[in-house]
Amino acid sequence: MVTKGYGFSVDDIDMMNPELLKPYVDAYKAEWKQRDMEMYMWFGRYATSALVTAIDATFGKGNSKYVKETCYDSIEKHNTDDPDAEMREMLKAEEAWAAESRKSHLPKPKIV
């Protein structure tokens, strides 16, 4: 199983020691890890969305929607966005919190 896709015959494997096969074992484990991550991402994105949408349609008001963009599109969109957008959003949230605390007559927060 470990040499699947690497072009080794049974005789080649019989003639190799475990130290020579180690890089192929590591590559095989990395491939499994990649597939596991893909399945986790698929389930988290699509299966959960389908389940929530079905439950909401059956028992709720039916307002939830199934995801419209793929995982890859979502990642690409996030990577091409403005890198400072997240920081600006965090600053807006902090300013809103500070304004709310001023309304509540709380002491002015020290921002370092």
PDB file of N, CA and C in Angstrom:
ATOM      1  N   MET A   1       0.815  -1.200   0.000  1.00  0.00           N
ATOM      2  CA  MET A   1       0.000   0.000   0.000  1.00  0.00           C
ATOM      3  C   MET A   1       0.859   1.264   0.000  1.00  0.00           C
ATOM      4  N   VAL A   2       1.931   1.263   0.751  1.00  0.00           N
ATOM      5  CA  VAL A   2       2.722   2.470   0.918  1.00  0.00           C
ATOM      6  C   VAL A   2       3.352   2.906  -0.396  1.00  0.00           C
ATOM      7  N   THR A   3       3.740   1.980  -1.250  1.00  0.00           N
ATOM      8  CA  THR A   3       4.414   2.343  -2.491  1.00  0.00           C
ATOM      9  C   THR A   3       3.440   2.518  -3.648  1.00  0.00           C
ATOM     10  N   LYS A   4       2.175   2.492  -3.394  1.00  0.00           N
ATOM     11  CA  LYS A   4       1.166   2.664  -4.434  1.00  0.00           C
ATOM     12  C   LYS A   4       1.401   3.992  -5.165  1.00  0.00           C
ATOM     13  N   GLY A   5       1.536   3.914  -6.464  1.00  0.00           N
ATOM     14  CA  GLY A   5       1.720   5.121  -7.238  1.00  0.00           C
ATOM     15  C   GLY A   5       3.164   5.572  -7.370  1.00  0.00           C
ATOM     16  N   TYR A   6       4.102   4.855  -6.779  1.00  0.00           N
ATOM     17  CA  TYR A   6       5.503   5.254  -6.859  1.00  0.00           C
ATOM     18  C   TYR A   6       6.303   4.382  -7.818  1.00  0.00           C
ATOM     19  N   GLY A   7       5.692   3.396  -8.454  1.00  0.00           N
ATOM     20  CA  GLY A   7       6.350   2.601  -9.482  1.00  0.00           C
ATOM     21  C   GLY A   7       7.249   1.493  -8.978  1.00  0.00           C
ATOM     22  N   PHE A   8       7.058   1.025  -7.768  1.00  0.00           N
ATOM     23  CA  PHE A   8       7.878  -0.074  -7.247  1.00  0.00           C
ATOM     24  C   PHE A   8       7.194  -1.401  -7.513  1.00  0.00           C
ATOM     25  N   SER A   9       8.004  -2.377  -7.849  1.00  0.00           N
ATOM     26  CA  SER A   9       7.478  -3.735  -7.967  1.00  0.00           C
ATOM     27  C   SER A   9       7.677  -4.435  -6.617  1.00  0.00           C
ATOM     28  N   VAL A  10       7.128  -5.623  -6.504  1.00  0.00           N
ATOM     29  CA  VAL A  10       7.281  -6.392  -5.272  1.00  0.00           C
ATOM     30  C   VAL A  10       8.752  -6.709  -5.036  1.00  0.00           C
ATOM     31  N   ASP A  11       9.491  -7.020  -6.116  1.00  0.00           N
ATOM     32  CA  ASP A  11      10.918  -7.322  -5.978  1.00  0.00           C
ATOM     33  C   ASP A  11      11.694  -6.101  -5.477  1.00  0.00           C
ATOM     34  N   ASP A  12      11.339  -4.904  -5.985  1.00  0.00           N
ATOM     35  CA  ASP A  12      12.010  -3.680  -5.529  1.00  0.00           C
ATOM     36  C   ASP A  12      11.806  -3.488  -4.023  1.00  0.00           C
ATOM     37  N   ILE A  13      10.602  -3.711  -3.586  1.00  0.00           N
ATOM     38  CA  ILE A  13      10.292  -3.527  -2.175  1.00  0.00           C
ATOM     39  C   ILE A  13      11.035  -4.549  -1.322  1.00  0.00           C
ATOM     40  N   ASP A  14      11.122  -5.797  -1.833  1.00  0.00           N
ATOM     41  CA  ASP A  14      11.832  -6.843  -1.086  1.00  0.00           C
ATOM     42  C   ASP A  14      13.317  -6.515  -0.922  1.00  0.00           C
ATOM     43  N   MET A  15      13.895  -5.814  -1.880  1.00  0.00           N
ATOM     44  CA  MET A  15      15.325  -5.506  -1.852  1.00  0.00           C
ATOM     45  C   MET A  15      15.643  -4.238  -1.057  1.00  0.00           C
ATOM     46  N   MET A  16      14.624  -3.447  -0.695  1.00  0.00           N
ATOM     47  CA  MET A  16      14.857  -2.196   0.021  1.00  0.00           C
ATOM     48  C   MET A  16      14.769  -2.415   1.526  1.00  0.00           C
ATOM     49  N   ASN A  17      15.535  -1.641   2.252  1.00  0.00           N
ATOM     50  CA  ASN A  17      15.413  -1.690   3.697  1.00  0.00           C
ATOM     51  C   ASN A  17      14.433  -0.600   4.144  1.00  0.00           C
ATOM     52  N   PRO A  18      13.949  -0.651   5.364  1.00  0.00           N
ATOM     53  CA  PRO A  18      12.962   0.320   5.837  1.00  0.00           C
ATOM     54  C   PRO A  18      13.436   1.767   5.751  1.00  0.00           C
ATOM     55  N   GLU A  19      14.734   1.977   5.885  1.00  0.00           N
ATOM     56  CA  GLU A  19      15.250   3.350   5.824  1.00  0.00           C
ATOM     57  C   GLU A  19      15.078   3.937   4.427  1.00  0.00           C
ATOM     58  N   LEU A  20      15.232   3.114   3.386  1.00  0.00           N
ATOM     59  CA  LEU A  20      15.035   3.597   2.014  1.00  0.00           C
ATOM     60  C   LEU A  20      13.556   3.855   1.710  1.00  0.00           C
ATOM     61  N   LEU A  21      12.684   3.130   2.366  1.00  0.00           N
ATOM     62  CA  LEU A  21      11.246   3.301   2.138  1.00  0.00           C
ATOM     63  C   LEU A  21      10.641   4.436   2.958  1.00  0.00           C
ATOM     64  N   LYS A  22      11.381   4.961   3.942  1.00  0.00           N
ATOM     65  CA  LYS A  22      10.836   5.986   4.842  1.00  0.00           C
ATOM     66  C   LYS A  22      10.285   7.214   4.110  1.00  0.00           C
ATOM     67  N   PRO A  23      10.976   7.782   3.105  1.00  0.00           N
ATOM     68  CA  PRO A  23      10.401   8.936   2.412  1.00  0.00           C
ATOM     69  C   PRO A  23       9.063   8.633   1.742  1.00  0.00           C
ATOM     70  N   TYR A  24       8.913   7.407   1.256  1.00  0.00           N
ATOM     71  CA  TYR A  24       7.662   7.033   0.611  1.00  0.00           C
ATOM     72  C   TYR A  24       6.551   6.843   1.635  1.00  0.00           C
ATOM     73  N   VAL A  25       6.909   6.331   2.796  1.00  0.00           N
ATOM     74  CA  VAL A  25       5.933   6.201   3.879  1.00  0.00           C
ATOM     75  C   VAL A  25       5.479   7.592   4.328  1.00  0.00           C
ATOM     76  N   ASP A  26       6.432   8.510   4.442  1.00  0.00           N
ATOM     77  CA  ASP A  26       6.081   9.879   4.838  1.00  0.00           C
ATOM     78  C   ASP A  26       5.189  10.546   3.790  1.00  0.00           C
ATOM     79  N   ALA A  27       5.495  10.327   2.509  1.00  0.00           N
ATOM     80  CA  ALA A  27       4.670  10.898   1.442  1.00  0.00           C
ATOM     81  C   ALA A  27       3.263  10.306   1.473  1.00  0.00           C
ATOM     82  N   TYR A  28       3.172   9.014   1.745  1.00  0.00           N
ATOM     83  CA  TYR A  28       1.868   8.353   1.830  1.00  0.00           C
ATOM     84  C   TYR A  28       1.055   8.915   2.993  1.00  0.00           C
ATOM     85  N   LYS A  29       1.710   9.130   4.127  1.00  0.00           N
ATOM     86  CA  LYS A  29       1.017   9.715   5.287  1.00  0.00           C
ATOM     87  C   LYS A  29       0.568  11.141   4.997  1.00  0.00           C
ATOM     88  N   ALA A  30       1.402  11.902   4.292  1.00  0.00           N
ATOM     89  CA  ALA A  30       1.030  13.276   3.929  1.00  0.00           C
ATOM     90  C   ALA A  30      -0.173  13.280   2.999  1.00  0.00           C
ATOM     91  N   GLU A  31      -0.220  12.318   2.092  1.00  0.00           N
ATOM     92  CA  GLU A  31      -1.362  12.204   1.177  1.00  0.00           C
ATOM     93  C   GLU A  31      -2.643  11.887   1.949  1.00  0.00           C
ATOM     94  N   TRP A  32      -2.546  10.987   2.910  1.00  0.00           N
ATOM     95  CA  TRP A  32      -3.699  10.657   3.746  1.00  0.00           C
ATOM     96  C   TRP A  32      -4.156  11.866   4.556  1.00  0.00           C
ATOM     97  N   LYS A  33      -3.191  12.602   5.083  1.00  0.00           N
ATOM     98  CA  LYS A  33      -3.511  13.793   5.871  1.00  0.00           C
ATOM     99  C   LYS A  33      -4.237  14.819   5.002  1.00  0.00           C
ATOM    100  N   GLN A  34      -3.788  14.982   3.756  1.00  0.00           N
ATOM    101  CA  GLN A  34      -4.427  15.918   2.824  1.00  0.00           C
ATOM    102  C   GLN A  34      -5.863  15.485   2.539  1.00  0.00           C
ATOM    103  N   ARG A  35      -6.055  14.194   2.271  1.00  0.00           N
ATOM    104  CA  ARG A  35      -7.408  13.692   2.007  1.00  0.00           C
ATOM    105  C   ARG A  35      -8.315  13.857   3.222  1.00  0.00           C
ATOM    106  N   ASP A  36      -7.773  13.615   4.410  1.00  0.00           N
ATOM    107  CA  ASP A  36      -8.542  13.777   5.637  1.00  0.00           C
ATOM    108  C   ASP A  36      -8.968  15.232   5.819  1.00  0.00           C
ATOM    109  N   MET A  37      -8.042  16.149   5.536  1.00  0.00           N
ATOM    110  CA  MET A  37      -8.351  17.571   5.656  1.00  0.00           C
ATOM    111  C   MET A  37      -9.431  17.979   4.648  1.00  0.00           C
ATOM    112  N   GLU A  38      -9.338  17.444   3.425  1.00  0.00           N
ATOM    113  CA  GLU A  38     -10.345  17.758   2.410  1.00  0.00           C
ATOM    114  C   GLU A  38     -11.728  17.259   2.820  1.00  0.00           C
ATOM    115  N   MET A  39     -11.774  16.052   3.376  1.00  0.00           N
ATOM    116  CA  MET A  39     -13.066  15.508   3.813  1.00  0.00           C
ATOM    117  C   MET A  39     -13.625  16.306   4.983  1.00  0.00           C
ATOM    118  N   TYR A  40     -12.773  16.723   5.898  1.00  0.00           N
ATOM    119  CA  TYR A  40     -13.205  17.541   7.024  1.00  0.00           C
ATOM    120  C   TYR A  40     -13.757  18.877   6.523  1.00  0.00           C
ATOM    121  N   MET A  41     -13.059  19.471   5.554  1.00  0.00           N
ATOM    122  CA  MET A  41     -13.509  20.738   5.002  1.00  0.00           C
ATOM    123  C   MET A  41     -14.828  20.546   4.248  1.00  0.00           C
ATOM    124  N   TRP A  42     -14.943  19.447   3.500  1.00  0.00           N
ATOM    125  CA  TRP A  42     -16.171  19.179   2.756  1.00  0.00           C
ATOM    126  C   TRP A  42     -17.342  19.022   3.725  1.00  0.00           C
ATOM    127  N   PHE A  43     -17.147  18.207   4.761  1.00  0.00           N
ATOM    128  CA  PHE A  43     -18.244  17.990   5.693  1.00  0.00           C
ATOM    129  C   PHE A  43     -18.621  19.280   6.406  1.00  0.00           C
ATOM    130  N   GLY A  44     -17.613  20.007   6.851  1.00  0.00           N
ATOM    131  CA  GLY A  44     -17.878  21.249   7.569  1.00  0.00           C
ATOM    132  C   GLY A  44     -18.590  22.275   6.709  1.00  0.00           C
ATOM    133  N   ARG A  45     -18.322  22.270   5.434  1.00  0.00           N
ATOM    134  CA  ARG A  45     -18.898  23.282   4.556  1.00  0.00           C
ATOM    135  C   ARG A  45     -20.230  22.836   3.960  1.00  0.00           C
ATOM    136  N   TYR A  46     -20.228  21.695   3.287  1.00  0.00           N
ATOM    137  CA  TYR A  46     -21.391  21.290   2.502  1.00  0.00           C
ATOM    138  C   TYR A  46     -22.391  20.438   3.283  1.00  0.00           C
ATOM    139  N   ALA A  47     -21.904  19.422   3.963  1.00  0.00           N
ATOM    140  CA  ALA A  47     -22.822  18.526   4.664  1.00  0.00           C
ATOM    141  C   ALA A  47     -23.525  19.241   5.808  1.00  0.00           C
ATOM    142  N   THR A  48     -22.781  20.067   6.551  1.00  0.00           N
ATOM    143  CA  THR A  48     -23.401  20.809   7.643  1.00  0.00           C
ATOM    144  C   THR A  48     -24.427  21.794   7.106  1.00  0.00           C
ATOM    145  N   SER A  49     -24.104  22.454   5.997  1.00  0.00           N
ATOM    146  CA  SER A  49     -25.045  23.395   5.390  1.00  0.00           C
ATOM    147  C   SER A  49     -26.310  22.672   4.926  1.00  0.00           C
ATOM    148  N   ALA A  50     -26.141  21.508   4.318  1.00  0.00           N
ATOM    149  CA  ALA A  50     -27.300  20.738   3.869  1.00  0.00           C
ATOM    150  C   ALA A  50     -28.153  20.291   5.043  1.00  0.00           C
ATOM    151  N   LEU A  51     -27.510  19.843   6.101  1.00  0.00           N
ATOM    152  CA  LEU A  51     -28.233  19.378   7.284  1.00  0.00           C
ATOM    153  C   LEU A  51     -29.007  20.527   7.940  1.00  0.00           C
ATOM    154  N   VAL A  52     -28.355  21.670   8.116  1.00  0.00           N
ATOM    155  CA  VAL A  52     -29.014  22.817   8.734  1.00  0.00           C
ATOM    156  C   VAL A  52     -30.174  23.310   7.869  1.00  0.00           C
ATOM    157  N   THR A  53     -29.960  23.357   6.565  1.00  0.00           N
ATOM    158  CA  THR A  53     -31.019  23.799   5.653  1.00  0.00           C
ATOM    159  C   THR A  53     -32.213  22.851   5.706  1.00  0.00           C
ATOM    160  N   ALA A  54     -31.959  21.544   5.732  1.00  0.00           N
ATOM    161  CA  ALA A  54     -33.048  20.565   5.784  1.00  0.00           C
ATOM    162  C   ALA A  54     -33.812  20.654   7.102  1.00  0.00           C
ATOM    163  N   ILE A  55     -33.094  20.779   8.207  1.00  0.00           N
ATOM    164  CA  ILE A  55     -33.760  20.872   9.509  1.00  0.00           C
ATOM    165  C   ILE A  55     -34.572  22.159   9.600  1.00  0.00           C
ATOM    166  N   ASP A  56     -34.005  23.263   9.116  1.00  0.00           N
ATOM    167  CA  ASP A  56     -34.709  24.541   9.153  1.00  0.00           C
ATOM    168  C   ASP A  56     -35.960  24.503   8.264  1.00  0.00           C
ATOM    169  N   ALA A  57     -35.849  23.866   7.110  1.00  0.00           N
ATOM    170  CA  ALA A  57     -37.003  23.776   6.219  1.00  0.00           C
ATOM    171  C   ALA A  57     -38.100  22.901   6.810  1.00  0.00           C
ATOM    172  N   THR A  58     -37.699  21.880   7.569  1.00  0.00           N
ATOM    173  CA  THR A  58     -38.679  20.965   8.147  1.00  0.00           C
ATOM    174  C   THR A  58     -39.313  21.516   9.413  1.00  0.00           C
ATOM    175  N   PHE A  59     -38.491  22.016  10.320  1.00  0.00           N
ATOM    176  CA  PHE A  59     -38.993  22.405  11.629  1.00  0.00           C
ATOM    177  C   PHE A  59     -39.021  23.917  11.877  1.00  0.00           C
ATOM    178  N   GLY A  60     -38.289  24.656  11.096  1.00  0.00           N
ATOM    179  CA  GLY A  60     -38.176  26.090  11.332  1.00  0.00           C
ATOM    180  C   GLY A  60     -38.972  26.894  10.327  1.00  0.00           C
ATOM    181  N   LYS A  61     -38.528  28.108  10.124  1.00  0.00           N
ATOM    182  CA  LYS A  61     -39.203  29.007   9.200  1.00  0.00           C
ATOM    183  C   LYS A  61     -38.701  28.852   7.777  1.00  0.00           C
ATOM    184  N   GLY A  62     -37.627  28.125   7.569  1.00  0.00           N
ATOM    185  CA  GLY A  62     -37.097  27.902   6.232  1.00  0.00           C
ATOM    186  C   GLY A  62     -36.291  29.070   5.710  1.00  0.00           C
ATOM    187  N   ASN A  63     -35.651  29.824   6.609  1.00  0.00           N
ATOM    188  CA  ASN A  63     -34.885  30.990   6.195  1.00  0.00           C
ATOM    189  C   ASN A  63     -33.445  30.660   5.811  1.00  0.00           C
ATOM    190  N   SER A  64     -32.916  29.539   6.270  1.00  0.00           N
ATOM    191  CA  SER A  64     -31.511  29.240   5.989  1.00  0.00           C
ATOM    192  C   SER A  64     -31.351  28.799   4.534  1.00  0.00           C
ATOM    193  N   LYS A  65     -30.177  29.091   3.989  1.00  0.00           N
ATOM    194  CA  LYS A  65     -29.886  28.777   2.594  1.00  0.00           C
ATOM    195  C   LYS A  65     -28.653  27.894   2.521  1.00  0.00           C
ATOM    196  N   TYR A  66     -28.636  27.035   1.531  1.00  0.00           N
ATOM    197  CA  TYR A  66     -27.481  26.184   1.274  1.00  0.00           C
ATOM    198  C   TYR A  66     -26.352  27.054   0.735  1.00  0.00           C
ATOM    199  N   VAL A  67     -25.105  26.722   1.056  1.00  0.00           N
ATOM    200  CA  VAL A  67     -23.965  27.534   0.617  1.00  0.00           C
ATOM    201  C   VAL A  67     -23.941  27.652  -0.903  1.00  0.00           C
ATOM    202  N   LYS A  68     -23.595  28.832  -1.375  1.00  0.00           N
ATOM    203  CA  LYS A  68     -23.599  29.077  -2.810  1.00  0.00           C
ATOM    204  C   LYS A  68     -22.203  29.019  -3.425  1.00  0.00           C
ATOM    205  N   GLU A  69     -21.152  29.282  -2.651  1.00  0.00           N
ATOM    206  CA  GLU A  69     -19.816  29.247  -3.224  1.00  0.00           C
ATOM    207  C   GLU A  69     -19.027  28.071  -2.670  1.00  0.00           C
ATOM    208  N   THR A  70     -18.112  27.589  -3.469  1.00  0.00           N
ATOM    209  CA  THR A  70     -17.312  26.436  -3.075  1.00  0.00           C
ATOM    210  C   THR A  70     -16.262  26.844  -2.052  1.00  0.00           C
ATOM    211  N   CYS A  71     -15.659  25.860  -1.420  1.00  0.00           N
ATOM    212  CA  CYS A  71     -14.589  26.134  -0.455  1.00  0.00           C
ATOM    213  C   CYS A  71     -13.446  26.870  -1.135  1.00  0.00           C
ATOM    214  N   TYR A  72     -13.093  26.417  -2.326  1.00  0.00           N
ATOM    215  CA  TYR A  72     -11.975  27.028  -3.037  1.00  0.00           C
ATOM    216  C   TYR A  72     -12.267  28.490  -3.362  1.00  0.00           C
ATOM    217  N   ASP A  73     -13.474  28.769  -3.846  1.00  0.00           N
ATOM    218  CA  ASP A  73     -13.839  30.152  -4.161  1.00  0.00           C
ATOM    219  C   ASP A  73     -13.795  31.032  -2.922  1.00  0.00           C
ATOM    220  N   SER A  74     -14.259  30.496  -1.814  1.00  0.00           N
ATOM    221  CA  SER A  74     -14.257  31.248  -0.571  1.00  0.00           C
ATOM    222  C   SER A  74     -12.830  31.569  -0.128  1.00  0.00           C
ATOM    223  N   ILE A  75     -11.935  30.604  -0.229  1.00  0.00           N
ATOM    224  CA  ILE A  75     -10.544  30.816   0.157  1.00  0.00           C
ATOM    225  C   ILE A  75      -9.879  31.816  -0.786  1.00  0.00           C
ATOM    226  N   GLU A  76     -10.116  31.671  -2.075  1.00  0.00           N
ATOM    227  CA  GLU A  76      -9.527  32.593  -3.047  1.00  0.00           C
ATOM    228  C   GLU A  76     -10.035  34.013  -2.830  1.00  0.00           C
ATOM    229  N   LYS A  77     -11.311  34.150  -2.549  1.00  0.00           N
ATOM    230  CA  LYS A  77     -11.886  35.473  -2.306  1.00  0.00           C
ATOM    231  C   LYS A  77     -11.255  36.096  -1.065  1.00  0.00           C
ATOM    232  N   HIS A  78     -11.074  35.283  -0.045  1.00  0.00           N
ATOM    233  CA  HIS A  78     -10.459  35.772   1.195  1.00  0.00           C
ATOM    234  C   HIS A  78      -9.002  36.174   0.962  1.00  0.00           C
ATOM    235  N   ASN A  79      -8.281  35.415   0.137  1.00  0.00           N
ATOM    236  CA  ASN A  79      -6.877  35.707  -0.121  1.00  0.00           C
ATOM    237  C   ASN A  79      -6.675  36.941  -0.990  1.00  0.00           C
ATOM    238  N   THR A  80      -7.647  37.268  -1.844  1.00  0.00           N
ATOM    239  CA  THR A  80      -7.493  38.418  -2.722  1.00  0.00           C
ATOM    240  C   THR A  80      -8.078  39.684  -2.126  1.00  0.00           C
ATOM    241  N   ASP A  81      -8.769  39.582  -1.021  1.00  0.00           N
ATOM    242  CA  ASP A  81      -9.320  40.764  -0.367  1.00  0.00           C
ATOM    243  C   ASP A  81      -8.199  41.656   0.140  1.00  0.00           C
ATOM    244  N   ASP A  82      -8.583  42.854   0.497  1.00  0.00           N
ATOM    245  CA  ASP A  82      -7.645  43.823   1.053  1.00  0.00           C
ATOM    246  C   ASP A  82      -7.069  43.262   2.356  1.00  0.00           C
ATOM    247  N   PRO A  83      -5.753  43.166   2.482  1.00  0.00           N
ATOM    248  CA  PRO A  83      -5.174  42.583   3.696  1.00  0.00           C
ATOM    249  C   PRO A  83      -5.439  43.418   4.950  1.00  0.00           C
ATOM    250  N   ASP A  84      -5.703  44.714   4.787  1.00  0.00           N
ATOM    251  CA  ASP A  84      -5.961  45.570   5.943  1.00  0.00           C
ATOM    252  C   ASP A  84      -7.439  45.641   6.320  1.00  0.00           C
ATOM    253  N   ALA A  85      -8.299  44.979   5.541  1.00  0.00           N
ATOM    254  CA  ALA A  85      -9.734  45.055   5.796  1.00  0.00           C
ATOM    255  C   ALA A  85     -10.086  44.473   7.160  1.00  0.00           C
ATOM    256  N   GLU A  86      -9.450  43.380   7.528  1.00  0.00           N
ATOM    257  CA  GLU A  86      -9.742  42.751   8.820  1.00  0.00           C
ATOM    258  C   GLU A  86      -9.336  43.673   9.971  1.00  0.00           C
ATOM    259  N   MET A  87      -8.197  44.332   9.816  1.00  0.00           N
ATOM    260  CA  MET A  87      -7.737  45.254  10.848  1.00  0.00           C
ATOM    261  C   MET A  87      -8.694  46.437  10.978  1.00  0.00           C
ATOM    262  N   ARG A  88      -9.159  46.978   9.854  1.00  0.00           N
ATOM    263  CA  ARG A  88     -10.110  48.090   9.906  1.00  0.00           C
ATOM    264  C   ARG A  88     -11.422  47.664  10.566  1.00  0.00           C
ATOM    265  N   GLU A  89     -11.846  46.442  10.276  1.00  0.00           N
ATOM    266  CA  GLU A  89     -13.078  45.929  10.881  1.00  0.00           C
ATOM    267  C   GLU A  89     -12.915  45.791  12.396  1.00  0.00           C
ATOM    268  N   MET A  90     -11.749  45.338  12.835  1.00  0.00           N
ATOM    269  CA  MET A  90     -11.500  45.207  14.270  1.00  0.00           C
ATOM    270  C   MET A  90     -11.469  46.582  14.935  1.00  0.00           C
ATOM    271  N   LEU A  91     -10.873  47.570  14.258  1.00  0.00           N
ATOM    272  CA  LEU A  91     -10.836  48.918  14.815  1.00  0.00           C
ATOM    273  C   LEU A  91     -12.234  49.526  14.915  1.00  0.00           C
ATOM    274  N   LYS A  92     -13.069  49.266  13.905  1.00  0.00           N
ATOM    275  CA  LYS A  92     -14.454  49.749  13.952  1.00  0.00           C
ATOM    276  C   LYS A  92     -15.189  49.152  15.148  1.00  0.00           C
ATOM    277  N   ALA A  93     -15.004  47.847  15.358  1.00  0.00           N
ATOM    278  CA  ALA A  93     -15.662  47.184  16.477  1.00  0.00           C
ATOM    279  C   ALA A  93     -15.167  47.763  17.803  1.00  0.00           C
ATOM    280  N   GLU A  94     -13.871  48.039  17.887  1.00  0.00           N
ATOM    281  CA  GLU A  94     -13.328  48.614  19.119  1.00  0.00           C
ATOM    282  C   GLU A  94     -13.854  50.029  19.344  1.00  0.00           C
ATOM    283  N   GLU A  95     -13.954  50.817  18.275  1.00  0.00           N
ATOM    284  CA  GLU A  95     -14.492  52.167  18.402  1.00  0.00           C
ATOM    285  C   GLU A  95     -15.960  52.132  18.813  1.00  0.00           C
ATOM    286  N   ALA A  96     -16.725  51.193  18.269  1.00  0.00           N
ATOM    287  CA  ALA A  96     -18.125  51.051  18.654  1.00  0.00           C
ATOM    288  C   ALA A  96     -18.242  50.664  20.126  1.00  0.00           C
ATOM    289  N   TRP A  97     -17.351  49.776  20.580  1.00  0.00           N
ATOM    290  CA  TRP A  97     -17.369  49.385  21.985  1.00  0.00           C
ATOM    291  C   TRP A  97     -17.032  50.578  22.871  1.00  0.00           C
ATOM    292  N   ALA A  98     -16.028  51.390  22.454  1.00  0.00           N
ATOM    293  CA  ALA A  98     -15.639  52.559  23.238  1.00  0.00           C
ATOM    294  C   ALA A  98     -16.790  53.572  23.288  1.00  0.00           C
ATOM    295  N   ALA A  99     -17.487  53.753  22.167  1.00  0.00           N
ATOM    296  CA  ALA A  99     -18.620  54.678  22.152  1.00  0.00           C
ATOM    297  C   ALA A  99     -19.727  54.180  23.059  1.00  0.00           C
ATOM    298  N   GLU A 100     -19.960  52.900  23.064  1.00  0.00           N
ATOM    299  CA  GLU A 100     -20.990  52.305  23.928  1.00  0.00           C
ATOM    300  C   GLU A 100     -20.597  52.460  25.398  1.00  0.00           C
ATOM    301  N   SER A 101     -19.320  52.306  25.704  1.00  0.00           N
ATOM    302  CA  SER A 101     -18.893  52.452  27.098  1.00  0.00           C
ATOM    303  C   SER A 101     -18.984  53.909  27.553  1.00  0.00           C
ATOM    304  N   ARG A 102     -18.769  54.857  26.628  1.00  0.00           N
ATOM    305  CA  ARG A 102     -18.940  56.267  26.993  1.00  0.00           C
ATOM    306  C   ARG A 102     -20.392  56.577  27.310  1.00  0.00           C
ATOM    307  N   LYS A 103     -21.307  55.947  26.541  1.00  0.00           N
ATOM    308  CA  LYS A 103     -22.743  56.147  26.810  1.00  0.00           C
ATOM    309  C   LYS A 103     -23.097  55.606  28.190  1.00  0.00           C
ATOM    310  N   SER A 104     -22.430  54.549  28.599  1.00  0.00           N
ATOM    311  CA  SER A 104     -22.715  53.920  29.891  1.00  0.00           C
ATOM    312  C   SER A 104     -21.955  54.599  31.025  1.00  0.00           C
ATOM    313  N   HIS A 105     -21.224  55.648  30.708  1.00  0.00           N
ATOM    314  CA  HIS A 105     -20.439  56.408  31.679  1.00  0.00           C
ATOM    315  C   HIS A 105     -19.381  55.531  32.368  1.00  0.00           C
ATOM    316  N   LEU A 106     -18.823  54.619  31.625  1.00  0.00           N
ATOM    317  CA  LEU A 106     -17.720  53.820  32.130  1.00  0.00           C
ATOM    318  C   LEU A 106     -16.427  54.614  31.968  1.00  0.00           C
ATOM    319  N   PRO A 107     -15.399  54.306  32.767  1.00  0.00           N
ATOM    320  CA  PRO A 107     -14.137  55.032  32.604  1.00  0.00           C
ATOM    321  C   PRO A 107     -13.532  54.776  31.214  1.00  0.00           C
ATOM    322  N   LYS A 108     -12.797  55.757  30.728  1.00  0.00           N
ATOM    323  CA  LYS A 108     -12.192  55.649  29.406  1.00  0.00           C
ATOM    324  C   LYS A 108     -11.158  54.530  29.411  1.00  0.00           C
ATOM    325  N   PRO A 109     -11.249  53.605  28.426  1.00  0.00           N
ATOM    326  CA  PRO A 109     -10.298  52.492  28.404  1.00  0.00           C
ATOM    327  C   PRO A 109      -8.923  52.972  27.951  1.00  0.00           C
ATOM    328  N   LYS A 110      -7.902  52.347  28.506  1.00  0.00           N
ATOM    329  CA  LYS A 110      -6.539  52.657  28.113  1.00  0.00           C
ATOM    330  C   LYS A 110      -6.153  51.728  26.957  1.00  0.00           C
ATOM    331  N   ILE A 111      -5.947  52.323  25.802  1.00  0.00           N
ATOM    332  CA  ILE A 111      -5.541  51.528  24.635  1.00  0.00           C
ATOM    333  C   ILE A 111      -4.073  51.769  24.426  1.00  0.00           C
ATOM    334  N   VAL A 112      -3.322  50.701  24.503  1.00  0.00           N
ATOM    335  CA  VAL A 112      -1.865  50.816  24.423  1.00  0.00           C
ATOM    336  C   VAL A 112      -1.407  50.608  23.016  1.00  0.00           C
TER     337      VAL A 112
END
